[in-house]
Amino acid sequence: MGRLTYGMNVSVDGYIADPNGEIGWSDPDDELHQYWNDQVRDTEVALYGRKLYELMAAYWPTADQEPDVTPVTAEYARLWRGMRKVVFSKTLESVGWNSELERGDVVEVARRLKAETDGLVEVAGATLAAPLVRAGLVDEFHVVIAPAAVGGGTPFFPSMDKWVHLRLIENRTFPTGAVLLRYETVRD
């Protein structure tokens, strides 16, 4: 049985993007970037929504070919291209870079993938993660708190009808002041 993880860089006030959709305030240093590289390396399959997939696909397929690319960025590009991705979209006609298009319900597909996968299943993006959080399917949350307050935007956690109880399993501070809080969901 796979474990479903959801993790992102988050402002201190709980947002993954500001009111204009900007995320530049969360740019990682090399050590934090390496943390995300390690997460991708350990991921068997990642779930993407259309918007985040298009954002990633616009940069990462060729990022390692840029003249001033850092080793950690080049590594992430290679890992991202090689990672299996399931992209949920009703409008895209095709996807590339080891991706498959999915038009079904994210909760049903995530349940099936967790049952079929022996490793980590990652959900990427707050909008796609919301129904999975509400359905109680997320096993681990990786919250990297960036030292910035943005005052609004897209929240990391969706509105919920019931509490999600969590147990801290790792915390770590990065040179920029970003703090990783890794939690596992406590099941009743």
Protein backbone atom coordinates (compact mmCIF):
# COMPACT_ATOMS: atom_id res chain seq x y z
CA MET A 1 0.00 0.00 0.00
CA GLY A 2 1.36 3.39 -0.99
CA ARG A 3 1.57 6.48 1.22
CA LEU A 4 0.03 9.71 -0.07
CA THR A 5 2.07 12.83 0.68
CA TYR A 6 1.23 16.49 0.22
CA GLY A 7 3.92 19.11 0.63
CA MET A 8 4.68 22.63 -0.49
CA ASN A 9 6.44 25.83 0.49
CA VAL A 10 4.00 27.87 2.58
CA SER A 11 4.06 31.45 3.83
CA VAL A 12 4.02 31.95 7.60
CA ASP A 13 0.36 32.93 7.25
CA GLY A 14 -0.52 29.66 5.51
CA TYR A 15 -0.55 30.37 1.76
CA ILE A 16 1.18 28.59 -1.12
CA ALA A 17 0.68 31.56 -3.48
CA ASP A 18 -0.10 35.23 -2.84
CA PRO A 19 -3.33 36.93 -4.02
CA ASN A 20 -1.79 37.41 -7.50
CA GLY A 21 -0.71 33.76 -7.75
CA GLU A 22 2.96 34.67 -7.23
CA ILE A 23 5.32 32.28 -5.42
CA GLY A 24 8.67 34.11 -5.76
CA TRP A 25 8.72 34.76 -2.02
CA SER A 26 9.25 31.01 -1.52
CA ASP A 27 12.36 30.49 -3.70
CA PRO A 28 14.42 27.77 -2.02
CA ASP A 29 18.12 27.88 -1.23
CA ASP A 30 20.21 24.92 -2.46
CA GLU A 31 19.74 22.95 0.77
CA LEU A 32 15.96 23.27 0.66
CA HIS A 33 15.95 22.58 -3.07
CA GLN A 34 17.92 19.38 -2.34
CA TYR A 35 15.23 18.39 0.18
CA TRP A 36 12.59 18.67 -2.56
CA ASN A 37 14.88 16.77 -4.97
CA ASP A 38 15.11 13.94 -2.45
CA GLN A 39 11.31 13.88 -2.15
CA VAL A 40 10.92 13.62 -5.94
CA ARG A 41 13.56 10.87 -6.08
CA ASP A 42 11.55 8.82 -3.57
CA THR A 43 8.18 9.40 -5.29
CA GLU A 44 6.67 6.58 -7.35
CA VAL A 45 3.90 8.70 -8.88
CA ALA A 46 2.88 12.38 -8.59
CA LEU A 47 -0.63 13.73 -9.06
CA TYR A 48 -0.87 17.10 -10.83
CA GLY A 49 -3.70 19.42 -11.75
CA ARG A 50 -3.64 21.17 -15.10
CA LYS A 51 -2.41 24.58 -13.90
CA LEU A 52 0.54 23.30 -11.87
CA TYR A 53 1.45 20.78 -14.56
CA GLU A 54 1.52 23.53 -17.21
CA LEU A 55 3.64 25.72 -14.93
CA MET A 56 6.12 22.88 -14.30
CA ALA A 57 6.13 21.72 -17.93
CA ALA A 58 6.99 25.23 -19.10
CA TYR A 59 10.31 25.17 -17.24
CA TRP A 60 11.55 21.80 -15.96
CA PRO A 61 11.87 19.77 -19.19
CA THR A 62 14.85 21.89 -20.32
CA ALA A 63 15.97 23.59 -17.08
CA ASP A 64 19.14 21.48 -16.94
CA GLN A 65 20.24 22.89 -20.31
CA GLU A 66 20.39 26.52 -19.13
CA PRO A 67 23.96 27.91 -19.20
CA ASP A 68 23.99 29.04 -15.54
CA VAL A 69 22.07 26.09 -14.07
CA THR A 70 23.10 24.96 -10.61
CA PRO A 71 23.74 21.26 -10.00
CA VAL A 72 20.72 20.98 -7.69
CA THR A 73 18.43 22.56 -10.30
CA ALA A 74 19.80 20.32 -13.05
CA GLU A 75 19.21 17.29 -10.86
CA TYR A 76 15.61 18.32 -10.16
CA ALA A 77 14.96 18.73 -13.89
CA ARG A 78 16.20 15.19 -14.58
CA LEU A 79 14.21 13.77 -11.67
CA TRP A 80 11.04 15.62 -12.70
CA ARG A 81 11.23 14.39 -16.30
CA GLY A 82 11.72 10.80 -15.15
CA MET A 83 9.04 10.76 -12.46
CA ARG A 84 5.67 9.22 -13.35
CA LYS A 85 3.02 11.92 -13.33
CA VAL A 86 -0.77 11.63 -13.51
CA VAL A 87 -2.28 14.90 -14.73
CA PHE A 88 -5.94 15.64 -13.98
CA SER A 89 -7.51 17.80 -16.67
CA LYS A 90 -10.72 18.03 -18.63
CA THR A 91 -9.19 20.41 -21.20
CA LEU A 92 -5.67 19.18 -22.02
CA GLU A 93 -5.46 16.96 -25.07
CA SER A 94 -2.04 15.49 -24.28
CA VAL A 95 0.78 15.54 -21.73
CA GLY A 96 4.47 14.70 -21.99
CA TRP A 97 7.51 13.89 -19.91
CA ASN A 98 6.47 10.55 -18.43
CA SER A 99 2.94 11.83 -17.74
CA GLU A 100 -0.48 10.36 -18.32
CA LEU A 101 -3.75 12.23 -18.65
CA GLU A 102 -6.58 11.45 -16.22
CA ARG A 103 -10.14 12.70 -16.49
CA GLY A 104 -11.58 10.75 -13.55
CA ASP A 105 -12.29 11.71 -9.96
CA VAL A 106 -9.08 12.52 -8.05
CA VAL A 107 -10.30 10.79 -4.86
CA GLU A 108 -11.12 7.54 -6.67
CA VAL A 109 -7.88 7.60 -8.66
CA ALA A 110 -5.78 8.38 -5.56
CA ARG A 111 -7.39 5.48 -3.66
CA ARG A 112 -6.60 3.14 -6.57
CA LEU A 113 -3.02 4.39 -6.91
CA LYS A 114 -2.39 4.05 -3.17
CA ALA A 115 -3.63 0.45 -3.36
CA GLU A 116 -1.49 -0.34 -6.43
CA THR A 117 1.72 1.46 -5.40
CA ASP A 118 4.34 0.22 -2.97
CA GLY A 119 5.95 3.63 -2.52
CA LEU A 120 5.12 7.28 -2.21
CA VAL A 121 2.26 8.89 -4.09
CA GLU A 122 2.56 12.67 -4.05
CA VAL A 123 -0.21 15.18 -4.67
CA ALA A 124 1.16 18.44 -6.07
CA GLY A 125 -0.84 21.62 -5.65
CA ALA A 126 -3.38 22.92 -3.15
CA THR A 127 -6.43 22.76 -5.41
CA LEU A 128 -5.89 19.11 -6.33
CA ALA A 129 -4.95 18.23 -2.74
CA ALA A 130 -8.11 19.76 -1.22
CA PRO A 131 -10.52 16.85 -1.93
CA LEU A 132 -7.84 14.35 -0.88
CA VAL A 133 -7.29 16.14 2.44
CA ARG A 134 -11.06 16.28 3.02
CA ALA A 135 -11.40 12.56 2.18
CA GLY A 136 -8.71 11.70 4.75
CA LEU A 137 -6.40 10.15 2.16
CA VAL A 138 -3.24 12.16 2.89
CA ASP A 139 -0.83 10.17 5.05
CA GLU A 140 1.93 12.81 5.36
CA PHE A 141 2.08 16.60 5.16
CA HIS A 142 5.39 18.32 4.34
CA VAL A 143 4.91 21.97 5.28
CA VAL A 144 7.95 24.14 4.53
CA ILE A 145 7.27 27.50 6.13
CA ALA A 146 9.01 30.31 4.25
CA PRO A 147 9.97 33.46 6.17
CA ALA A 148 7.38 35.63 4.42
CA ALA A 149 3.80 36.71 5.13
CA VAL A 150 1.75 37.36 1.98
CA GLY A 151 -1.59 38.43 3.46
CA GLY A 152 -3.85 36.14 1.44
CA GLY A 153 -3.98 33.95 -1.62
CA THR A 154 -4.22 30.19 -2.04
CA PRO A 155 -4.22 28.40 1.33
CA PHE A 156 -2.22 25.21 1.90
CA PHE A 157 -5.08 23.59 3.81
CA PRO A 158 -8.61 23.67 2.42
CA SER A 159 -11.69 24.39 4.51
CA MET A 160 -12.65 21.16 6.26
CA ASP A 161 -15.68 19.72 8.01
CA LYS A 162 -13.58 17.91 10.61
CA TRP A 163 -10.17 18.18 12.19
CA VAL A 164 -7.13 16.33 10.90
CA HIS A 165 -4.96 15.17 13.80
CA LEU A 166 -1.24 15.18 13.05
CA ARG A 167 1.94 13.85 14.67
CA LEU A 168 5.24 15.67 14.08
CA ILE A 169 7.79 13.24 12.61
CA GLU A 170 10.49 15.68 11.46
CA ASN A 171 11.43 19.31 11.81
CA ARG A 172 14.38 21.09 10.26
CA THR A 173 15.55 24.67 9.73
CA PHE A 174 17.20 25.75 6.47
CA PRO A 175 19.79 28.56 6.03
CA THR A 176 17.20 31.02 4.67
CA GLY A 177 15.08 30.61 7.80
CA ALA A 178 12.57 28.28 6.13
CA VAL A 179 11.36 25.55 8.49
CA LEU A 180 10.24 22.06 7.52
CA LEU A 181 7.44 20.56 9.58
CA ARG A 182 6.73 17.00 8.45
CA TYR A 183 3.63 15.44 9.95
CA GLU A 184 1.91 12.11 9.62
CA THR A 185 -1.84 11.82 9.90
CA VAL A 186 -3.07 10.20 13.10
CA ARG A 187 -5.80 7.71 12.19
CA ASP A 188 -8.57 6.93 14.68
